[in-house]
Amino acid sequence: MSITKDEVQHVAKLARLSVADDELSALTGHLDKILDYINQLNELDVEGVAPTAQRNTSENVLREDVVDNTFTKELSLQNAPLKEGGFFKVPKVIE
């Protein structure tokens, strides 16, 4: 299977990508190689191979969501470079 420059331009337009004319031939070559590789994969004999969604059979291991020792306001502000009224004070960034 071969891909044309017009098809590459069409796909780029659908993806809202701007492709310069000098990049178009290189991109066409790269996509052509990708499609050739996919065609090689399509030739493989997968008879008797069960389809899988994923190879890893592990399951998520979740822990209980329990409240543990929390920081007090004083402990949280202990090393703050600037603080005011029990809050962190940060430099103004909006003019």
PDB file of N, CA and C in Angstrom:
ATOM      1  N   MET A   1       0.857  -1.181   0.000  1.00  0.00           N
ATOM      2  CA  MET A   1       0.000   0.000   0.000  1.00  0.00           C
ATOM      3  C   MET A   1       0.896   1.234   0.000  1.00  0.00           C
ATOM      4  N   SER A   2       0.540   2.166  -0.812  1.00  0.00           N
ATOM      5  CA  SER A   2       1.315   3.384  -0.923  1.00  0.00           C
ATOM      6  C   SER A   2       0.416   4.580  -0.627  1.00  0.00           C
ATOM      7  N   ILE A   3       0.974   5.575  -0.021  1.00  0.00           N
ATOM      8  CA  ILE A   3       0.199   6.767   0.323  1.00  0.00           C
ATOM      9  C   ILE A   3       0.678   7.919  -0.555  1.00  0.00           C
ATOM     10  N   THR A   4      -0.251   8.720  -1.004  1.00  0.00           N
ATOM     11  CA  THR A   4       0.096   9.827  -1.891  1.00  0.00           C
ATOM     12  C   THR A   4       0.255  11.118  -1.095  1.00  0.00           C
ATOM     13  N   LYS A   5       0.873  12.096  -1.744  1.00  0.00           N
ATOM     14  CA  LYS A   5       1.049  13.401  -1.100  1.00  0.00           C
ATOM     15  C   LYS A   5      -0.302  14.060  -0.822  1.00  0.00           C
ATOM     16  N   ASP A   6      -1.269  13.842  -1.712  1.00  0.00           N
ATOM     17  CA  ASP A   6      -2.608  14.410  -1.500  1.00  0.00           C
ATOM     18  C   ASP A   6      -3.263  13.818  -0.253  1.00  0.00           C
ATOM     19  N   GLU A   7      -3.071  12.521  -0.034  1.00  0.00           N
ATOM     20  CA  GLU A   7      -3.633  11.884   1.151  1.00  0.00           C
ATOM     21  C   GLU A   7      -2.957  12.402   2.423  1.00  0.00           C
ATOM     22  N   VAL A   8      -1.648  12.621   2.352  1.00  0.00           N
ATOM     23  CA  VAL A   8      -0.928  13.163   3.504  1.00  0.00           C
ATOM     24  C   VAL A   8      -1.427  14.574   3.805  1.00  0.00           C
ATOM     25  N   GLN A   9      -1.624  15.381   2.769  1.00  0.00           N
ATOM     26  CA  GLN A   9      -2.158  16.729   2.970  1.00  0.00           C
ATOM     27  C   GLN A   9      -3.556  16.676   3.572  1.00  0.00           C
ATOM     28  N   HIS A  10      -4.374  15.719   3.118  1.00  0.00           N
ATOM     29  CA  HIS A  10      -5.733  15.585   3.636  1.00  0.00           C
ATOM     30  C   HIS A  10      -5.714  15.209   5.122  1.00  0.00           C
ATOM     31  N   VAL A  11      -4.863  14.249   5.480  1.00  0.00           N
ATOM     32  CA  VAL A  11      -4.755  13.838   6.885  1.00  0.00           C
ATOM     33  C   VAL A  11      -4.231  14.990   7.735  1.00  0.00           C
ATOM     34  N   ALA A  12      -3.265  15.734   7.215  1.00  0.00           N
ATOM     35  CA  ALA A  12      -2.725  16.878   7.953  1.00  0.00           C
ATOM     36  C   ALA A  12      -3.802  17.932   8.155  1.00  0.00           C
ATOM     37  N   LYS A  13      -4.634  18.136   7.145  1.00  0.00           N
ATOM     38  CA  LYS A  13      -5.727  19.107   7.271  1.00  0.00           C
ATOM     39  C   LYS A  13      -6.731  18.656   8.329  1.00  0.00           C
ATOM     40  N   LEU A  14      -7.063  17.357   8.322  1.00  0.00           N
ATOM     41  CA  LEU A  14      -7.991  16.832   9.329  1.00  0.00           C
ATOM     42  C   LEU A  14      -7.419  16.978  10.735  1.00  0.00           C
ATOM     43  N   ALA A  15      -6.105  16.825  10.867  1.00  0.00           N
ATOM     44  CA  ALA A  15      -5.443  16.945  12.170  1.00  0.00           C
ATOM     45  C   ALA A  15      -5.104  18.391  12.494  1.00  0.00           C
ATOM     46  N   ARG A  16      -5.470  19.292  11.587  1.00  0.00           N
ATOM     47  CA  ARG A  16      -5.199  20.717  11.755  1.00  0.00           C
ATOM     48  C   ARG A  16      -3.714  20.994  11.946  1.00  0.00           C
ATOM     49  N   LEU A  17      -2.911  20.323  11.099  1.00  0.00           N
ATOM     50  CA  LEU A  17      -1.470  20.513  11.107  1.00  0.00           C
ATOM     51  C   LEU A  17      -1.073  21.223   9.825  1.00  0.00           C
ATOM     52  N   SER A  18      -0.156  22.142   9.936  1.00  0.00           N
ATOM     53  CA  SER A  18       0.354  22.776   8.729  1.00  0.00           C
ATOM     54  C   SER A  18       1.647  22.072   8.338  1.00  0.00           C
ATOM     55  N   VAL A  19       1.685  21.600   7.113  1.00  0.00           N
ATOM     56  CA  VAL A  19       2.850  20.883   6.610  1.00  0.00           C
ATOM     57  C   VAL A  19       3.401  21.677   5.439  1.00  0.00           C
ATOM     58  N   ALA A  20       4.662  22.066   5.549  1.00  0.00           N
ATOM     59  CA  ALA A  20       5.312  22.809   4.469  1.00  0.00           C
ATOM     60  C   ALA A  20       5.552  21.881   3.283  1.00  0.00           C
ATOM     61  N   ASP A  21       5.629  22.454   2.098  1.00  0.00           N
ATOM     62  CA  ASP A  21       5.819  21.655   0.890  1.00  0.00           C
ATOM     63  C   ASP A  21       7.115  20.859   0.922  1.00  0.00           C
ATOM     64  N   ASP A  22       8.183  21.442   1.492  1.00  0.00           N
ATOM     65  CA  ASP A  22       9.448  20.718   1.553  1.00  0.00           C
ATOM     66  C   ASP A  22       9.403  19.557   2.547  1.00  0.00           C
ATOM     67  N   GLU A  23       8.516  19.600   3.526  1.00  0.00           N
ATOM     68  CA  GLU A  23       8.367  18.509   4.492  1.00  0.00           C
ATOM     69  C   GLU A  23       7.439  17.422   3.968  1.00  0.00           C
ATOM     70  N   LEU A  24       6.632  17.747   2.979  1.00  0.00           N
ATOM     71  CA  LEU A  24       5.583  16.841   2.514  1.00  0.00           C
ATOM     72  C   LEU A  24       6.151  15.545   1.950  1.00  0.00           C
ATOM     73  N   SER A  25       7.197  15.617   1.162  1.00  0.00           N
ATOM     74  CA  SER A  25       7.735  14.389   0.567  1.00  0.00           C
ATOM     75  C   SER A  25       8.384  13.501   1.633  1.00  0.00           C
ATOM     76  N   ALA A  26       9.075  14.108   2.588  1.00  0.00           N
ATOM     77  CA  ALA A  26       9.684  13.313   3.665  1.00  0.00           C
ATOM     78  C   ALA A  26       8.605  12.654   4.517  1.00  0.00           C
ATOM     79  N   LEU A  27       7.564  13.412   4.829  1.00  0.00           N
ATOM     80  CA  LEU A  27       6.470  12.875   5.639  1.00  0.00           C
ATOM     81  C   LEU A  27       5.742  11.757   4.898  1.00  0.00           C
ATOM     82  N   THR A  28       5.576  11.916   3.598  1.00  0.00           N
ATOM     83  CA  THR A  28       4.942  10.875   2.791  1.00  0.00           C
ATOM     84  C   THR A  28       5.770   9.597   2.840  1.00  0.00           C
ATOM     85  N   GLY A  29       7.083   9.726   2.750  1.00  0.00           N
ATOM     86  CA  GLY A  29       7.958   8.556   2.834  1.00  0.00           C
ATOM     87  C   GLY A  29       7.880   7.863   4.177  1.00  0.00           C
ATOM     88  N   HIS A  30       7.845   8.651   5.248  1.00  0.00           N
ATOM     89  CA  HIS A  30       7.757   8.066   6.593  1.00  0.00           C
ATOM     90  C   HIS A  30       6.434   7.331   6.784  1.00  0.00           C
ATOM     91  N   LEU A  31       5.352   7.959   6.377  1.00  0.00           N
ATOM     92  CA  LEU A  31       4.048   7.311   6.529  1.00  0.00           C
ATOM     93  C   LEU A  31       3.942   6.072   5.657  1.00  0.00           C
ATOM     94  N   ASP A  32       4.567   6.090   4.481  1.00  0.00           N
ATOM     95  CA  ASP A  32       4.568   4.927   3.598  1.00  0.00           C
ATOM     96  C   ASP A  32       5.282   3.752   4.260  1.00  0.00           C
ATOM     97  N   LYS A  33       6.410   4.034   4.934  1.00  0.00           N
ATOM     98  CA  LYS A  33       7.139   2.977   5.644  1.00  0.00           C
ATOM     99  C   LYS A  33       6.305   2.408   6.789  1.00  0.00           C
ATOM    100  N   ILE A  34       5.569   3.270   7.490  1.00  0.00           N
ATOM    101  CA  ILE A  34       4.711   2.809   8.591  1.00  0.00           C
ATOM    102  C   ILE A  34       3.623   1.887   8.057  1.00  0.00           C
ATOM    103  N   LEU A  35       3.011   2.278   6.944  1.00  0.00           N
ATOM    104  CA  LEU A  35       1.952   1.451   6.358  1.00  0.00           C
ATOM    105  C   LEU A  35       2.507   0.127   5.847  1.00  0.00           C
ATOM    106  N   ASP A  36       3.726   0.122   5.297  1.00  0.00           N
ATOM    107  CA  ASP A  36       4.353  -1.125   4.873  1.00  0.00           C
ATOM    108  C   ASP A  36       4.566  -2.053   6.064  1.00  0.00           C
ATOM    109  N   TYR A  37       4.988  -1.493   7.187  1.00  0.00           N
ATOM    110  CA  TYR A  37       5.194  -2.308   8.385  1.00  0.00           C
ATOM    111  C   TYR A  37       3.869  -2.902   8.872  1.00  0.00           C
ATOM    112  N   ILE A  38       2.819  -2.107   8.838  1.00  0.00           N
ATOM    113  CA  ILE A  38       1.506  -2.603   9.254  1.00  0.00           C
ATOM    114  C   ILE A  38       1.061  -3.726   8.330  1.00  0.00           C
ATOM    115  N   ASN A  39       1.340  -3.597   7.042  1.00  0.00           N
ATOM    116  CA  ASN A  39       0.995  -4.670   6.103  1.00  0.00           C
ATOM    117  C   ASN A  39       1.770  -5.938   6.409  1.00  0.00           C
ATOM    118  N   GLN A  40       3.023  -5.806   6.851  1.00  0.00           N
ATOM    119  CA  GLN A  40       3.784  -6.985   7.258  1.00  0.00           C
ATOM    120  C   GLN A  40       3.123  -7.656   8.458  1.00  0.00           C
ATOM    121  N   LEU A  41       2.630  -6.862   9.394  1.00  0.00           N
ATOM    122  CA  LEU A  41       1.963  -7.423  10.564  1.00  0.00           C
ATOM    123  C   LEU A  41       0.673  -8.126  10.174  1.00  0.00           C
ATOM    124  N   ASN A  42      -0.012  -7.607   9.149  1.00  0.00           N
ATOM    125  CA  ASN A  42      -1.253  -8.231   8.698  1.00  0.00           C
ATOM    126  C   ASN A  42      -1.014  -9.597   8.068  1.00  0.00           C
ATOM    127  N   GLU A  43       0.207  -9.878   7.620  1.00  0.00           N
ATOM    128  CA  GLU A  43       0.528 -11.159   7.009  1.00  0.00           C
ATOM    129  C   GLU A  43       0.815 -12.250   8.038  1.00  0.00           C
ATOM    130  N   LEU A  44       0.965 -11.895   9.293  1.00  0.00           N
ATOM    131  CA  LEU A  44       1.267 -12.881  10.333  1.00  0.00           C
ATOM    132  C   LEU A  44       0.103 -13.833  10.535  1.00  0.00           C
ATOM    133  N   ASP A  45       0.438 -15.094  10.820  1.00  0.00           N
ATOM    134  CA  ASP A  45      -0.578 -16.105  11.102  1.00  0.00           C
ATOM    135  C   ASP A  45      -0.883 -16.061  12.599  1.00  0.00           C
ATOM    136  N   VAL A  46      -2.053 -15.595  12.942  1.00  0.00           N
ATOM    137  CA  VAL A  46      -2.444 -15.492  14.354  1.00  0.00           C
ATOM    138  C   VAL A  46      -3.563 -16.477  14.686  1.00  0.00           C
ATOM    139  N   GLU A  47      -3.661 -17.508  13.876  1.00  0.00           N
ATOM    140  CA  GLU A  47      -4.661 -18.558  14.110  1.00  0.00           C
ATOM    141  C   GLU A  47      -4.396 -19.214  15.464  1.00  0.00           C
ATOM    142  N   GLY A  48      -5.385 -19.286  16.297  1.00  0.00           N
ATOM    143  CA  GLY A  48      -5.252 -19.925  17.596  1.00  0.00           C
ATOM    144  C   GLY A  48      -4.706 -19.015  18.687  1.00  0.00           C
ATOM    145  N   VAL A  49      -4.397 -17.779  18.370  1.00  0.00           N
ATOM    146  CA  VAL A  49      -3.919 -16.835  19.376  1.00  0.00           C
ATOM    147  C   VAL A  49      -5.124 -16.073  19.913  1.00  0.00           C
ATOM    148  N   ALA A  50      -5.328 -16.188  21.208  1.00  0.00           N
ATOM    149  CA  ALA A  50      -6.491 -15.540  21.817  1.00  0.00           C
ATOM    150  C   ALA A  50      -6.292 -14.028  21.841  1.00  0.00           C
ATOM    151  N   PRO A  51      -7.322 -13.275  21.473  1.00  0.00           N
ATOM    152  CA  PRO A  51      -7.192 -11.816  21.547  1.00  0.00           C
ATOM    153  C   PRO A  51      -7.088 -11.364  23.003  1.00  0.00           C
ATOM    154  N   THR A  52      -6.250 -10.380  23.238  1.00  0.00           N
ATOM    155  CA  THR A  52      -6.077  -9.869  24.593  1.00  0.00           C
ATOM    156  C   THR A  52      -6.212  -8.358  24.591  1.00  0.00           C
ATOM    157  N   ALA A  53      -6.777  -7.847  25.646  1.00  0.00           N
ATOM    158  CA  ALA A  53      -6.876  -6.402  25.801  1.00  0.00           C
ATOM    159  C   ALA A  53      -5.581  -5.866  26.387  1.00  0.00           C
ATOM    160  N   GLN A  54      -4.963  -6.659  27.254  1.00  0.00           N
ATOM    161  CA  GLN A  54      -3.685  -6.277  27.842  1.00  0.00           C
ATOM    162  C   GLN A  54      -2.955  -7.532  28.274  1.00  0.00           C
ATOM    163  N   ARG A  55      -1.634  -7.448  28.317  1.00  0.00           N
ATOM    164  CA  ARG A  55      -0.833  -8.621  28.678  1.00  0.00           C
ATOM    165  C   ARG A  55      -0.742  -8.804  30.180  1.00  0.00           C
ATOM    166  N   ASN A  56      -0.744  -7.730  30.910  1.00  0.00           N
ATOM    167  CA  ASN A  56      -0.549  -7.789  32.343  1.00  0.00           C
ATOM    168  C   ASN A  56      -1.860  -8.185  33.020  1.00  0.00           C
ATOM    169  N   THR A  57      -1.814  -9.210  33.840  1.00  0.00           N
ATOM    170  CA  THR A  57      -3.035  -9.677  34.498  1.00  0.00           C
ATOM    171  C   THR A  57      -3.188  -9.116  35.906  1.00  0.00           C
ATOM    172  N   SER A  58      -2.316  -8.204  36.296  1.00  0.00           N
ATOM    173  CA  SER A  58      -2.409  -7.625  37.635  1.00  0.00           C
ATOM    174  C   SER A  58      -3.657  -6.767  37.758  1.00  0.00           C
ATOM    175  N   GLU A  59      -4.130  -6.648  38.969  1.00  0.00           N
ATOM    176  CA  GLU A  59      -5.260  -5.780  39.245  1.00  0.00           C
ATOM    177  C   GLU A  59      -4.788  -4.631  40.122  1.00  0.00           C
ATOM    178  N   ASN A  60      -5.539  -3.551  40.093  1.00  0.00           N
ATOM    179  CA  ASN A  60      -5.190  -2.425  40.953  1.00  0.00           C
ATOM    180  C   ASN A  60      -5.290  -2.844  42.412  1.00  0.00           C
ATOM    181  N   VAL A  61      -4.287  -2.468  43.158  1.00  0.00           N
ATOM    182  CA  VAL A  61      -4.291  -2.739  44.588  1.00  0.00           C
ATOM    183  C   VAL A  61      -4.546  -1.407  45.274  1.00  0.00           C
ATOM    184  N   LEU A  62      -5.692  -1.292  45.884  1.00  0.00           N
ATOM    185  CA  LEU A  62      -6.070  -0.038  46.516  1.00  0.00           C
ATOM    186  C   LEU A  62      -6.066  -0.208  48.025  1.00  0.00           C
ATOM    187  N   ARG A  63      -5.701   0.842  48.714  1.00  0.00           N
ATOM    188  CA  ARG A  63      -5.720   0.805  50.172  1.00  0.00           C
ATOM    189  C   ARG A  63      -6.918   1.589  50.669  1.00  0.00           C
ATOM    190  N   GLU A  64      -7.257   1.388  51.899  1.00  0.00           N
ATOM    191  CA  GLU A  64      -8.344   2.142  52.511  1.00  0.00           C
ATOM    192  C   GLU A  64      -7.972   3.617  52.576  1.00  0.00           C
ATOM    193  N   ASP A  65      -8.910   4.457  52.345  1.00  0.00           N
ATOM    194  CA  ASP A  65      -8.687   5.892  52.432  1.00  0.00           C
ATOM    195  C   ASP A  65      -8.995   6.317  53.864  1.00  0.00           C
ATOM    196  N   VAL A  66      -7.927   6.364  54.678  1.00  0.00           N
ATOM    197  CA  VAL A  66      -8.095   6.674  56.090  1.00  0.00           C
ATOM    198  C   VAL A  66      -7.363   7.971  56.424  1.00  0.00           C
ATOM    199  N   VAL A  67      -7.948   8.756  57.265  1.00  0.00           N
ATOM    200  CA  VAL A  67      -7.305   9.986  57.706  1.00  0.00           C
ATOM    201  C   VAL A  67      -6.174   9.604  58.652  1.00  0.00           C
ATOM    202  N   ASP A  68      -5.009  10.148  58.396  1.00  0.00           N
ATOM    203  CA  ASP A  68      -3.830   9.856  59.205  1.00  0.00           C
ATOM    204  C   ASP A  68      -3.414  11.149  59.895  1.00  0.00           C
ATOM    205  N   ASN A  69      -2.257  11.154  60.500  1.00  0.00           N
ATOM    206  CA  ASN A  69      -1.765  12.361  61.141  1.00  0.00           C
ATOM    207  C   ASN A  69      -1.700  13.482  60.108  1.00  0.00           C
ATOM    208  N   THR A  70      -2.319  14.586  60.406  1.00  0.00           N
ATOM    209  CA  THR A  70      -2.311  15.710  59.486  1.00  0.00           C
ATOM    210  C   THR A  70      -1.491  16.835  60.085  1.00  0.00           C
ATOM    211  N   PHE A  71      -1.064  17.744  59.223  1.00  0.00           N
ATOM    212  CA  PHE A  71      -0.307  18.887  59.685  1.00  0.00           C
ATOM    213  C   PHE A  71      -1.256  19.916  60.292  1.00  0.00           C
ATOM    214  N   THR A  72      -0.816  20.525  61.351  1.00  0.00           N
ATOM    215  CA  THR A  72      -1.569  21.647  61.896  1.00  0.00           C
ATOM    216  C   THR A  72      -1.198  22.884  61.102  1.00  0.00           C
ATOM    217  N   LYS A  73      -1.982  23.927  61.220  1.00  0.00           N
ATOM    218  CA  LYS A  73      -1.697  25.167  60.509  1.00  0.00           C
ATOM    219  C   LYS A  73      -0.336  25.713  60.937  1.00  0.00           C
ATOM    220  N   GLU A  74      -0.058  25.654  62.221  1.00  0.00           N
ATOM    221  CA  GLU A  74       1.200  26.178  62.723  1.00  0.00           C
ATOM    222  C   GLU A  74       2.392  25.387  62.175  1.00  0.00           C
ATOM    223  N   LEU A  75       2.259  24.069  62.130  1.00  0.00           N
ATOM    224  CA  LEU A  75       3.329  23.224  61.614  1.00  0.00           C
ATOM    225  C   LEU A  75       3.533  23.457  60.115  1.00  0.00           C
ATOM    226  N   SER A  76       2.438  23.659  59.385  1.00  0.00           N
ATOM    227  CA  SER A  76       2.540  23.915  57.941  1.00  0.00           C
ATOM    228  C   SER A  76       3.231  25.240  57.672  1.00  0.00           C
ATOM    229  N   LEU A  77       2.973  26.237  58.483  1.00  0.00           N
ATOM    230  CA  LEU A  77       3.534  27.560  58.261  1.00  0.00           C
ATOM    231  C   LEU A  77       4.912  27.741  58.897  1.00  0.00           C
ATOM    232  N   GLN A  78       5.377  26.726  59.599  1.00  0.00           N
ATOM    233  CA  GLN A  78       6.610  26.835  60.367  1.00  0.00           C
ATOM    234  C   GLN A  78       7.794  27.279  59.509  1.00  0.00           C
ATOM    235  N   ASN A  79       7.966  26.745  58.313  1.00  0.00           N
ATOM    236  CA  ASN A  79       9.120  27.075  57.477  1.00  0.00           C
ATOM    237  C   ASN A  79       8.763  28.005  56.320  1.00  0.00           C
ATOM    238  N   ALA A  80       7.591  28.584  56.354  1.00  0.00           N
ATOM    239  CA  ALA A  80       7.184  29.479  55.270  1.00  0.00           C
ATOM    240  C   ALA A  80       8.034  30.739  55.292  1.00  0.00           C
ATOM    241  N   PRO A  81       8.568  31.152  54.140  1.00  0.00           N
ATOM    242  CA  PRO A  81       9.377  32.364  54.121  1.00  0.00           C
ATOM    243  C   PRO A  81       8.549  33.609  54.421  1.00  0.00           C
ATOM    244  N   LEU A  82       7.299  33.642  53.971  1.00  0.00           N
ATOM    245  CA  LEU A  82       6.401  34.761  54.251  1.00  0.00           C
ATOM    246  C   LEU A  82       5.056  34.213  54.693  1.00  0.00           C
ATOM    247  N   LYS A  83       4.533  34.788  55.750  1.00  0.00           N
ATOM    248  CA  LYS A  83       3.203  34.380  56.219  1.00  0.00           C
ATOM    249  C   LYS A  83       2.502  35.596  56.793  1.00  0.00           C
ATOM    250  N   GLU A  84       1.185  35.584  56.703  1.00  0.00           N
ATOM    251  CA  GLU A  84       0.412  36.714  57.206  1.00  0.00           C
ATOM    252  C   GLU A  84      -0.973  36.221  57.593  1.00  0.00           C
ATOM    253  N   GLY A  85      -1.363  36.467  58.810  1.00  0.00           N
ATOM    254  CA  GLY A  85      -2.699  36.119  59.279  1.00  0.00           C
ATOM    255  C   GLY A  85      -2.990  34.630  59.238  1.00  0.00           C
ATOM    256  N   GLY A  86      -1.987  33.803  59.434  1.00  0.00           N
ATOM    257  CA  GLY A  86      -2.203  32.359  59.439  1.00  0.00           C
ATOM    258  C   GLY A  86      -2.234  31.753  58.050  1.00  0.00           C
ATOM    259  N   PHE A  87      -1.764  32.490  57.028  1.00  0.00           N
ATOM    260  CA  PHE A  87      -1.755  31.989  55.652  1.00  0.00           C
ATOM    261  C   PHE A  87      -0.378  32.202  55.043  1.00  0.00           C
ATOM    262  N   PHE A  88      -0.092  31.440  53.966  1.00  0.00           N
ATOM    263  CA  PHE A  88       1.114  31.662  53.207  1.00  0.00           C
ATOM    264  C   PHE A  88       0.959  32.994  52.468  1.00  0.00           C
ATOM    265  N   LYS A  89       1.998  33.798  52.452  1.00  0.00           N
ATOM    266  CA  LYS A  89       1.965  35.039  51.713  1.00  0.00           C
ATOM    267  C   LYS A  89       2.879  34.871  50.498  1.00  0.00           C
ATOM    268  N   VAL A  90       2.332  35.155  49.330  1.00  0.00           N
ATOM    269  CA  VAL A  90       3.095  35.004  48.101  1.00  0.00           C
ATOM    270  C   VAL A  90       3.187  36.340  47.397  1.00  0.00           C
ATOM    271  N   PRO A  91       4.233  36.510  46.584  1.00  0.00           N
ATOM    272  CA  PRO A  91       4.359  37.778  45.858  1.00  0.00           C
ATOM    273  C   PRO A  91       3.221  37.944  44.854  1.00  0.00           C
ATOM    274  N   LYS A  92       2.835  39.166  44.629  1.00  0.00           N
ATOM    275  CA  LYS A  92       1.779  39.467  43.674  1.00  0.00           C
ATOM    276  C   LYS A  92       2.322  39.225  42.257  1.00  0.00           C
ATOM    277  N   VAL A  93       1.567  38.503  41.453  1.00  0.00           N
ATOM    278  CA  VAL A  93       2.024  38.204  40.095  1.00  0.00           C
ATOM    279  C   VAL A  93       1.148  38.857  39.026  1.00  0.00           C
ATOM    280  N   ILE A  94       0.035  39.442  39.415  1.00  0.00           N
ATOM    281  CA  ILE A  94      -0.856  40.106  38.485  1.00  0.00           C
ATOM    282  C   ILE A  94      -0.701  41.600  38.650  1.00  0.00           C
ATOM    283  N   GLU A  95      -0.572  42.284  37.519  1.00  0.00           N
ATOM    284  CA  GLU A  95      -0.400  43.734  37.603  1.00  0.00           C
ATOM    285  C   GLU A  95      -1.743  44.425  37.613  1.00  0.00           C
TER     286      GLU A  95
END
